[in-house]
């Protein structure tokens, strides 16, 4: 069921809760994003929220060699040394475990722009039980300012004049 698809209402299945996270670290075995689905027994009739975590890195390079990006004591889901914020960008696994423990509390308050967040079952049902992370994750695009095309053309014209003057000076030196 994890790899094969879902019934028409997978989140209503007896006593299972569904959690998923996007994974990009299975190369060379898979060159596409991979979702990991974790089911836990609820004993209360179903799932109210689905927890998503967008894993960017697992501590290893994404090329075919899969070389470590950190020292051995900072690799894996439970490293023996604490990771800095910069090292977190190279190994998200300890954070996955930390936030997983909070999935029923503070994780539900996270915005959909965060690395992890919860989605109500109702929203997933509305989307036809599509569990794609990108269906629910909100991406904030940074606005980039550009110079006006007229300003760019004026600058190019000025540079062209300087180039022509320089070429004339060089030509005069060669005479």
N, C-alpha and C. Protein backbone atom coordinates (compact mmCIF):
# COMPACT_ATOMS: atom_id res chain seq x y z
N UNK A 1 0.81 -1.20 0.00
CA UNK A 1 0.00 0.00 0.00
C UNK A 1 0.85 1.26 0.00
N UNK A 2 2.02 1.25 0.64
CA UNK A 2 2.86 2.44 0.68
C UNK A 2 3.36 2.80 -0.71
N UNK A 3 3.79 1.81 -1.48
CA UNK A 3 4.33 2.10 -2.80
C UNK A 3 3.28 2.00 -3.89
N UNK A 4 2.19 1.34 -3.62
CA UNK A 4 1.26 1.02 -4.68
C UNK A 4 0.09 1.94 -4.89
N UNK A 5 -0.22 2.87 -4.09
CA UNK A 5 -1.38 3.71 -4.31
C UNK A 5 -2.32 3.61 -3.14
N UNK A 6 -3.50 4.17 -3.30
CA UNK A 6 -4.40 4.27 -2.16
C UNK A 6 -5.81 3.89 -2.56
N UNK A 7 -6.59 3.51 -1.57
CA UNK A 7 -8.01 3.29 -1.78
C UNK A 7 -8.68 4.65 -1.93
N UNK A 8 -9.96 4.66 -2.16
CA UNK A 8 -10.64 5.93 -2.40
C UNK A 8 -10.62 6.86 -1.19
N UNK A 9 -10.48 6.31 0.01
CA UNK A 9 -10.40 7.18 1.20
C UNK A 9 -9.36 6.63 2.17
N UNK A 10 -8.08 6.78 1.84
CA UNK A 10 -7.03 6.17 2.64
C UNK A 10 -6.93 6.70 4.06
N UNK A 11 -7.35 7.92 4.32
CA UNK A 11 -7.19 8.47 5.66
C UNK A 11 -8.28 8.00 6.61
N UNK A 12 -9.29 7.34 6.09
CA UNK A 12 -10.35 6.81 6.93
C UNK A 12 -10.11 5.36 7.30
N UNK A 13 -9.02 4.76 6.80
CA UNK A 13 -8.78 3.35 7.05
C UNK A 13 -8.66 3.09 8.54
N UNK A 14 -9.33 2.08 8.99
CA UNK A 14 -9.55 1.71 10.38
C UNK A 14 -8.82 2.57 11.41
N UNK A 15 -7.62 2.20 11.81
CA UNK A 15 -6.97 2.95 12.89
C UNK A 15 -5.54 3.31 12.51
N UNK A 16 -5.37 3.90 11.36
CA UNK A 16 -4.04 4.29 10.92
C UNK A 16 -3.96 5.79 10.72
N UNK A 17 -2.81 6.35 11.08
CA UNK A 17 -2.53 7.75 10.81
C UNK A 17 -1.46 7.80 9.74
N UNK A 18 -1.57 8.74 8.86
CA UNK A 18 -0.65 8.85 7.73
C UNK A 18 0.24 10.06 7.90
N UNK A 19 1.53 9.87 7.74
CA UNK A 19 2.51 10.96 7.76
C UNK A 19 3.38 10.80 6.53
N UNK A 20 3.84 11.90 6.01
CA UNK A 20 4.68 11.83 4.82
C UNK A 20 5.76 12.89 4.85
N UNK A 21 6.85 12.62 4.20
CA UNK A 21 7.89 13.63 4.03
C UNK A 21 8.51 13.44 2.66
N UNK A 22 8.85 14.55 2.04
CA UNK A 22 9.48 14.50 0.73
C UNK A 22 10.95 14.20 0.91
N UNK A 23 11.50 13.35 0.09
CA UNK A 23 12.89 12.94 0.22
C UNK A 23 13.60 13.06 -1.11
N UNK A 24 14.79 13.62 -1.13
CA UNK A 24 15.57 13.77 -2.36
C UNK A 24 16.91 13.05 -2.25
N UNK A 25 17.00 12.05 -1.42
CA UNK A 25 18.32 11.52 -1.10
C UNK A 25 18.52 10.06 -1.52
N UNK A 26 17.70 9.54 -2.39
CA UNK A 26 17.83 8.14 -2.76
C UNK A 26 18.65 7.93 -4.02
N UNK A 27 19.28 8.95 -4.54
CA UNK A 27 20.11 8.81 -5.71
C UNK A 27 21.28 7.93 -5.37
N UNK A 28 21.78 7.05 -6.17
CA UNK A 28 21.46 6.87 -7.58
C UNK A 28 20.27 5.95 -7.85
N UNK A 29 19.60 5.51 -6.81
CA UNK A 29 18.50 4.56 -7.00
C UNK A 29 17.26 5.22 -7.59
N UNK A 30 17.02 6.46 -7.21
CA UNK A 30 15.87 7.18 -7.74
C UNK A 30 16.28 8.63 -7.96
N UNK A 31 16.08 9.12 -9.15
CA UNK A 31 16.47 10.48 -9.46
C UNK A 31 15.34 11.47 -9.28
N UNK A 32 14.26 11.05 -8.67
CA UNK A 32 13.11 11.93 -8.47
C UNK A 32 12.82 12.03 -6.98
N UNK A 33 12.02 13.01 -6.62
CA UNK A 33 11.61 13.13 -5.22
C UNK A 33 10.88 11.87 -4.79
N UNK A 34 11.10 11.48 -3.56
CA UNK A 34 10.50 10.25 -3.04
C UNK A 34 9.76 10.58 -1.76
N UNK A 35 8.56 10.11 -1.64
CA UNK A 35 7.78 10.32 -0.43
C UNK A 35 7.89 9.10 0.47
N UNK A 36 8.01 9.34 1.74
CA UNK A 36 8.03 8.26 2.73
C UNK A 36 6.74 8.40 3.53
N UNK A 37 5.99 7.34 3.59
CA UNK A 37 4.73 7.35 4.32
C UNK A 37 4.89 6.51 5.58
N UNK A 38 4.56 7.09 6.71
CA UNK A 38 4.63 6.38 7.98
C UNK A 38 3.22 6.28 8.54
N UNK A 39 2.84 5.08 8.94
CA UNK A 39 1.51 4.86 9.50
C UNK A 39 1.65 4.49 10.97
N UNK A 40 0.84 5.11 11.81
CA UNK A 40 0.82 4.75 13.22
C UNK A 40 -0.61 4.47 13.63
N UNK A 41 -0.77 3.51 14.48
CA UNK A 41 -2.10 3.14 14.96
C UNK A 41 -2.62 4.22 15.90
N UNK A 42 -3.85 4.68 15.68
CA UNK A 42 -4.39 5.77 16.50
C UNK A 42 -5.30 5.28 17.61
N UNK A 43 -5.95 4.16 17.45
CA UNK A 43 -6.92 3.64 18.42
C UNK A 43 -8.06 4.63 18.69
N UNK A 44 -8.28 5.55 17.75
CA UNK A 44 -9.35 6.53 17.98
C UNK A 44 -10.15 6.80 16.71
N UNK A 45 -10.08 5.92 15.75
CA UNK A 45 -10.95 6.05 14.59
C UNK A 45 -10.39 6.80 13.41
N UNK A 46 -9.13 7.11 13.35
CA UNK A 46 -8.61 7.73 12.14
C UNK A 46 -7.66 8.88 12.38
N UNK A 47 -7.39 9.57 11.31
CA UNK A 47 -6.40 10.64 11.31
C UNK A 47 -7.08 11.99 11.11
N UNK A 48 -6.69 12.97 11.90
CA UNK A 48 -7.23 14.32 11.74
C UNK A 48 -6.26 15.23 10.99
N UNK A 49 -4.95 14.95 11.11
CA UNK A 49 -3.92 15.77 10.47
C UNK A 49 -2.87 14.87 9.84
N UNK A 50 -2.26 15.36 8.76
CA UNK A 50 -1.13 14.69 8.12
C UNK A 50 0.06 15.61 8.27
N UNK A 51 1.17 15.06 8.75
CA UNK A 51 2.38 15.83 8.98
C UNK A 51 3.31 15.67 7.79
N UNK A 52 3.80 16.78 7.27
CA UNK A 52 4.74 16.79 6.15
C UNK A 52 6.07 17.36 6.62
N UNK A 53 7.17 16.80 6.13
CA UNK A 53 8.50 17.35 6.37
C UNK A 53 9.25 17.30 5.05
N UNK A 54 9.74 18.43 4.60
CA UNK A 54 10.48 18.52 3.34
C UNK A 54 11.96 18.34 3.64
N UNK A 55 12.46 17.12 3.47
CA UNK A 55 13.85 16.80 3.75
C UNK A 55 14.71 17.24 2.56
N UNK A 56 15.65 18.14 2.84
CA UNK A 56 16.55 18.62 1.79
C UNK A 56 17.86 17.86 1.76
N UNK A 57 18.30 17.34 2.90
CA UNK A 57 19.62 16.71 2.96
C UNK A 57 19.66 15.67 4.07
N UNK A 58 20.45 14.62 3.85
CA UNK A 58 20.59 13.57 4.86
C UNK A 58 22.03 13.42 5.35
N UNK A 59 22.88 14.41 5.03
CA UNK A 59 24.27 14.35 5.47
C UNK A 59 25.22 13.80 4.43
N UNK A 60 24.69 13.37 3.30
CA UNK A 60 25.50 12.77 2.25
C UNK A 60 25.27 13.51 0.95
N UNK A 61 26.28 13.52 0.08
CA UNK A 61 26.14 14.19 -1.21
C UNK A 61 25.10 13.46 -2.04
N UNK A 62 24.49 14.17 -2.97
CA UNK A 62 23.44 13.59 -3.79
C UNK A 62 23.96 13.02 -5.10
N UNK A 63 25.27 13.00 -5.28
CA UNK A 63 25.82 12.40 -6.50
C UNK A 63 25.90 10.89 -6.35
N UNK A 64 26.38 10.23 -7.36
CA UNK A 64 26.45 8.76 -7.35
C UNK A 64 27.40 8.21 -6.29
N UNK A 65 28.36 9.01 -5.83
CA UNK A 65 29.34 8.53 -4.85
C UNK A 65 28.80 8.58 -3.42
N UNK A 66 27.81 9.45 -3.15
CA UNK A 66 27.20 9.59 -1.81
C UNK A 66 28.27 9.77 -0.73
N UNK A 67 29.11 10.78 -0.90
CA UNK A 67 30.16 11.08 0.07
C UNK A 67 29.57 11.85 1.26
N UNK A 68 30.12 11.65 2.47
CA UNK A 68 29.61 12.38 3.64
C UNK A 68 29.90 13.87 3.51
N UNK A 69 28.95 14.70 3.93
CA UNK A 69 29.10 16.15 3.90
C UNK A 69 29.53 16.70 5.25
N UNK A 70 29.47 15.85 6.27
CA UNK A 70 29.80 16.25 7.64
C UNK A 70 30.70 15.20 8.28
N UNK A 71 31.27 15.55 9.42
CA UNK A 71 32.06 14.58 10.18
C UNK A 71 31.15 13.43 10.64
N UNK A 72 31.74 12.27 10.88
CA UNK A 72 30.97 11.09 11.26
C UNK A 72 30.07 11.31 12.46
N UNK A 73 30.53 12.13 13.42
CA UNK A 73 29.74 12.34 14.63
C UNK A 73 28.54 13.26 14.39
N UNK A 74 28.38 13.77 13.16
CA UNK A 74 27.25 14.65 12.84
C UNK A 74 26.36 14.05 11.75
N UNK A 75 26.57 12.79 11.45
CA UNK A 75 25.77 12.10 10.44
C UNK A 75 24.66 11.28 11.09
N UNK A 76 23.66 10.94 10.30
CA UNK A 76 22.59 10.09 10.76
C UNK A 76 21.48 10.86 11.46
N UNK A 77 20.47 10.13 11.87
CA UNK A 77 19.30 10.73 12.52
C UNK A 77 19.57 11.08 13.98
N UNK A 78 20.53 10.41 14.58
CA UNK A 78 20.87 10.68 15.99
C UNK A 78 22.38 10.87 16.10
N UNK A 79 22.89 12.01 15.64
CA UNK A 79 24.34 12.24 15.70
C UNK A 79 24.81 12.39 17.15
N UNK A 80 26.07 12.07 17.38
CA UNK A 80 26.61 12.18 18.73
C UNK A 80 27.04 13.61 19.06
N UNK A 81 27.19 14.46 18.04
CA UNK A 81 27.53 15.86 18.25
C UNK A 81 26.38 16.73 17.74
N UNK A 82 26.19 17.87 18.38
CA UNK A 82 25.11 18.78 17.99
C UNK A 82 25.45 19.48 16.68
N UNK A 83 24.44 19.69 15.85
CA UNK A 83 24.63 20.36 14.57
C UNK A 83 24.38 21.85 14.70
N UNK A 84 25.17 22.64 13.98
CA UNK A 84 24.93 24.07 13.91
C UNK A 84 23.82 24.31 12.89
N UNK A 85 23.37 25.54 12.78
CA UNK A 85 22.33 25.88 11.79
C UNK A 85 22.82 25.59 10.38
N UNK A 86 24.08 25.90 10.11
CA UNK A 86 24.64 25.62 8.78
C UNK A 86 24.71 24.11 8.52
N UNK A 87 25.08 23.35 9.53
CA UNK A 87 25.16 21.90 9.36
C UNK A 87 23.77 21.28 9.20
N UNK A 88 22.76 21.91 9.77
CA UNK A 88 21.38 21.44 9.59
C UNK A 88 21.01 21.44 8.11
N UNK A 89 21.54 22.38 7.35
CA UNK A 89 21.24 22.42 5.92
C UNK A 89 21.84 21.23 5.18
N UNK A 90 22.80 20.56 5.82
CA UNK A 90 23.43 19.38 5.21
C UNK A 90 22.89 18.06 5.78
N UNK A 91 22.20 18.12 6.93
CA UNK A 91 21.63 16.92 7.54
C UNK A 91 20.35 17.31 8.29
N UNK A 92 19.20 17.05 7.68
CA UNK A 92 17.91 17.38 8.30
C UNK A 92 17.39 16.28 9.21
N UNK A 93 17.99 15.10 9.19
CA UNK A 93 17.42 13.95 9.88
C UNK A 93 17.22 14.14 11.39
N UNK A 94 18.17 14.74 12.12
CA UNK A 94 17.89 14.97 13.56
C UNK A 94 16.67 15.88 13.77
N UNK A 95 16.51 16.87 12.92
CA UNK A 95 15.37 17.77 13.02
C UNK A 95 14.07 17.05 12.70
N UNK A 96 14.12 16.11 11.76
CA UNK A 96 12.93 15.31 11.44
C UNK A 96 12.45 14.60 12.70
N UNK A 97 13.37 13.96 13.42
CA UNK A 97 12.99 13.24 14.64
C UNK A 97 12.45 14.18 15.71
N UNK A 98 13.07 15.34 15.86
CA UNK A 98 12.62 16.31 16.87
C UNK A 98 11.21 16.78 16.56
N UNK A 99 11.00 17.18 15.31
CA UNK A 99 9.69 17.71 14.94
C UNK A 99 8.62 16.62 14.90
N UNK A 100 9.02 15.39 14.58
CA UNK A 100 8.08 14.27 14.58
C UNK A 100 7.45 14.12 15.97
N UNK A 101 8.27 14.28 17.01
CA UNK A 101 7.77 14.17 18.38
C UNK A 101 6.76 15.28 18.70
N UNK A 102 6.80 16.37 17.94
CA UNK A 102 5.93 17.52 18.19
C UNK A 102 4.77 17.59 17.20
N UNK A 103 4.58 16.55 16.40
CA UNK A 103 3.59 16.59 15.31
C UNK A 103 2.15 16.79 15.81
N UNK A 104 1.87 16.41 17.04
CA UNK A 104 0.52 16.57 17.58
C UNK A 104 0.35 17.84 18.42
N UNK A 105 1.43 18.64 18.51
CA UNK A 105 1.36 19.86 19.32
C UNK A 105 1.77 21.07 18.47
N UNK A 106 2.97 21.57 18.69
CA UNK A 106 3.40 22.81 18.04
C UNK A 106 3.55 22.70 16.52
N UNK A 107 3.77 21.52 16.01
CA UNK A 107 3.88 21.36 14.55
C UNK A 107 2.59 21.76 13.85
N UNK A 108 1.48 21.62 14.51
CA UNK A 108 0.19 21.97 13.90
C UNK A 108 0.02 23.47 13.72
N UNK A 109 0.86 24.24 14.41
CA UNK A 109 0.78 25.70 14.33
C UNK A 109 1.70 26.28 13.25
N UNK A 110 2.55 25.45 12.68
CA UNK A 110 3.51 25.94 11.69
C UNK A 110 2.81 26.35 10.40
N UNK A 111 3.36 27.38 9.79
CA UNK A 111 2.85 27.82 8.50
C UNK A 111 3.26 26.83 7.41
N UNK A 112 2.55 26.85 6.33
CA UNK A 112 2.84 25.93 5.22
C UNK A 112 4.09 26.34 4.45
N UNK A 113 4.73 27.41 4.86
CA UNK A 113 6.00 27.82 4.25
C UNK A 113 7.18 27.21 5.00
N UNK A 114 6.93 26.60 6.16
CA UNK A 114 8.00 26.03 6.98
C UNK A 114 8.47 24.70 6.38
N UNK A 115 9.58 24.20 6.90
CA UNK A 115 10.12 22.93 6.42
C UNK A 115 9.21 21.77 6.80
N UNK A 116 8.46 21.92 7.88
CA UNK A 116 7.48 20.91 8.26
C UNK A 116 6.19 21.61 8.68
N UNK A 117 5.09 20.92 8.48
CA UNK A 117 3.78 21.49 8.81
C UNK A 117 2.74 20.38 8.78
N UNK A 118 1.57 20.66 9.35
CA UNK A 118 0.47 19.70 9.35
C UNK A 118 -0.66 20.21 8.46
N UNK A 119 -1.35 19.27 7.82
CA UNK A 119 -2.49 19.59 6.97
C UNK A 119 -3.71 18.84 7.52
N UNK A 120 -4.83 19.52 7.71
CA UNK A 120 -6.03 18.84 8.17
C UNK A 120 -6.52 17.81 7.15
N UNK A 121 -7.07 16.73 7.66
CA UNK A 121 -7.59 15.66 6.80
C UNK A 121 -8.60 16.20 5.79
N UNK A 122 -9.40 17.16 6.20
CA UNK A 122 -10.43 17.74 5.33
C UNK A 122 -9.78 18.34 4.08
N UNK A 123 -8.66 19.06 4.25
CA UNK A 123 -7.97 19.66 3.10
C UNK A 123 -7.45 18.59 2.15
N UNK A 124 -6.97 17.50 2.70
CA UNK A 124 -6.43 16.42 1.86
C UNK A 124 -7.57 15.73 1.12
N UNK A 125 -8.68 15.52 1.78
CA UNK A 125 -9.85 14.93 1.13
C UNK A 125 -10.32 15.82 -0.02
N UNK A 126 -10.32 17.13 0.20
CA UNK A 126 -10.74 18.09 -0.82
C UNK A 126 -9.85 18.00 -2.05
N UNK A 127 -8.58 17.69 -1.84
CA UNK A 127 -7.62 17.57 -2.95
C UNK A 127 -7.58 16.15 -3.53
N UNK A 128 -8.58 15.35 -3.26
CA UNK A 128 -8.64 14.00 -3.80
C UNK A 128 -7.59 13.07 -3.22
N UNK A 129 -7.21 13.31 -1.96
CA UNK A 129 -6.21 12.50 -1.25
C UNK A 129 -4.84 12.53 -1.92
N UNK A 130 -4.55 13.63 -2.59
CA UNK A 130 -3.23 13.83 -3.18
C UNK A 130 -2.26 14.17 -2.05
N UNK A 131 -1.23 13.36 -1.86
CA UNK A 131 -0.27 13.56 -0.78
C UNK A 131 1.03 14.18 -1.25
N UNK A 132 1.03 14.84 -2.39
CA UNK A 132 2.22 15.51 -2.89
C UNK A 132 2.53 16.71 -2.01
N UNK A 133 3.75 16.79 -1.53
CA UNK A 133 4.15 17.90 -0.68
C UNK A 133 3.88 19.24 -1.36
N UNK A 134 4.19 19.33 -2.63
CA UNK A 134 4.04 20.60 -3.34
C UNK A 134 2.58 21.02 -3.50
N UNK A 135 1.65 20.12 -3.29
CA UNK A 135 0.23 20.48 -3.33
C UNK A 135 -0.13 21.38 -2.15
N UNK A 136 0.57 21.21 -1.03
CA UNK A 136 0.22 21.92 0.20
C UNK A 136 1.26 22.94 0.65
N UNK A 137 2.52 22.75 0.27
CA UNK A 137 3.57 23.68 0.70
C UNK A 137 3.45 24.99 -0.06
N UNK A 138 3.51 26.07 0.69
CA UNK A 138 3.46 27.40 0.09
C UNK A 138 4.88 27.92 -0.05
N UNK A 139 5.21 28.40 -1.23
CA UNK A 139 6.53 28.92 -1.50
C UNK A 139 6.43 30.44 -1.57
N UNK A 140 7.28 31.10 -0.80
CA UNK A 140 7.31 32.55 -0.81
C UNK A 140 8.40 32.97 -1.79
N UNK A 141 7.99 33.66 -2.82
CA UNK A 141 8.95 34.12 -3.82
C UNK A 141 9.45 35.50 -3.45
N UNK A 142 10.77 35.63 -3.46
CA UNK A 142 11.37 36.91 -3.13
C UNK A 142 11.30 37.83 -4.34
N UNK A 143 10.81 39.03 -4.12
CA UNK A 143 10.71 39.98 -5.21
C UNK A 143 12.09 40.52 -5.54
N UNK A 144 12.41 40.51 -6.81
CA UNK A 144 13.71 40.98 -7.27
C UNK A 144 13.48 42.25 -8.08
N UNK A 145 14.21 43.30 -7.74
CA UNK A 145 14.09 44.55 -8.47
C UNK A 145 15.03 44.58 -9.66
N UNK A 146 14.56 45.10 -10.76
CA UNK A 146 15.37 45.21 -11.97
C UNK A 146 15.41 46.66 -12.41
N UNK A 147 16.50 47.03 -13.05
CA UNK A 147 16.59 48.38 -13.61
C UNK A 147 15.67 48.47 -14.82
N UNK A 148 15.24 49.67 -15.10
CA UNK A 148 14.38 49.91 -16.26
C UNK A 148 15.17 49.63 -17.53
N UNK A 149 14.54 49.05 -18.56
CA UNK A 149 15.24 48.78 -19.82
C UNK A 149 15.92 50.01 -20.42
N UNK A 150 15.29 51.17 -20.30
CA UNK A 150 15.91 52.40 -20.84
C UNK A 150 17.22 52.72 -20.13
N UNK A 151 17.27 52.49 -18.80
CA UNK A 151 18.50 52.73 -18.05
C UNK A 151 19.60 51.76 -18.47
N UNK A 152 19.23 50.52 -18.70
CA UNK A 152 20.22 49.51 -19.15
C UNK A 152 20.78 49.90 -20.51
N UNK A 153 19.90 50.30 -21.44
CA UNK A 153 20.35 50.70 -22.78
C UNK A 153 21.24 51.94 -22.72
N UNK A 154 20.90 52.90 -21.86
CA UNK A 154 21.72 54.10 -21.72
C UNK A 154 23.10 53.73 -21.19
N UNK A 155 23.16 52.80 -20.24
CA UNK A 155 24.43 52.34 -19.69
C UNK A 155 25.25 51.62 -20.76
N UNK A 156 24.60 50.80 -21.57
CA UNK A 156 25.30 50.11 -22.65
C UNK A 156 25.86 51.09 -23.68
N UNK A 157 25.08 52.12 -24.00
CA UNK A 157 25.54 53.14 -24.95
C UNK A 157 26.78 53.85 -24.41
N UNK A 158 26.77 54.16 -23.11
CA UNK A 158 27.92 54.81 -22.48
C UNK A 158 29.15 53.90 -22.54
N UNK A 159 28.96 52.62 -22.23
CA UNK A 159 30.07 51.66 -22.30
C UNK A 159 30.59 51.53 -23.72
N UNK A 160 29.71 51.54 -24.67
CA UNK A 160 30.12 51.42 -26.07
C UNK A 160 30.99 52.62 -26.48
N UNK A 161 30.63 53.82 -26.02
CA UNK A 161 31.43 55.01 -26.30
C UNK A 161 32.82 54.86 -25.70
N UNK A 162 32.89 54.37 -24.46
CA UNK A 162 34.18 54.17 -23.79
C UNK A 162 35.02 53.13 -24.54
N UNK A 163 34.38 52.08 -25.03
CA UNK A 163 35.10 51.04 -25.79
C UNK A 163 35.65 51.64 -27.08
N UNK A 164 34.84 52.40 -27.78
CA UNK A 164 35.27 53.00 -29.04
C UNK A 164 36.43 53.97 -28.81
N UNK A 165 36.38 54.76 -27.74
CA UNK A 165 37.47 55.67 -27.42
C UNK A 165 38.75 54.90 -27.12
N UNK A 166 38.62 53.84 -26.38
CA UNK A 166 39.78 53.00 -26.07
C UNK A 166 40.38 52.38 -27.32
N UNK A 167 39.54 51.95 -28.25
CA UNK A 167 40.04 51.36 -29.50
C UNK A 167 40.75 52.42 -30.34
N UNK A 168 40.21 53.65 -30.37
CA UNK A 168 40.87 54.73 -31.11
C UNK A 168 42.24 55.06 -30.52
N UNK A 169 42.33 55.08 -29.18
CA UNK A 169 43.61 55.34 -28.52
C UNK A 169 44.62 54.24 -28.84
N UNK A 170 44.18 52.99 -28.83
CA UNK A 170 45.07 51.88 -29.17
C UNK A 170 45.51 51.97 -30.63
N UNK A 171 44.56 52.33 -31.51
CA UNK A 171 44.90 52.47 -32.91
C UNK A 171 45.93 53.57 -33.14
N UNK A 172 45.82 54.68 -32.40
CA UNK A 172 46.77 55.79 -32.53
C UNK A 172 48.15 55.36 -32.06
N UNK A 173 48.23 54.50 -31.03
CA UNK A 173 49.52 54.00 -30.54
C UNK A 173 50.22 53.10 -31.54
N UNK A 174 49.45 52.42 -32.37
CA UNK A 174 50.04 51.49 -33.33
C UNK A 174 50.53 52.19 -34.60
N UNK A 175 50.20 53.46 -34.82
CA UNK A 175 50.62 54.19 -36.02
C UNK A 175 52.03 54.63 -35.94
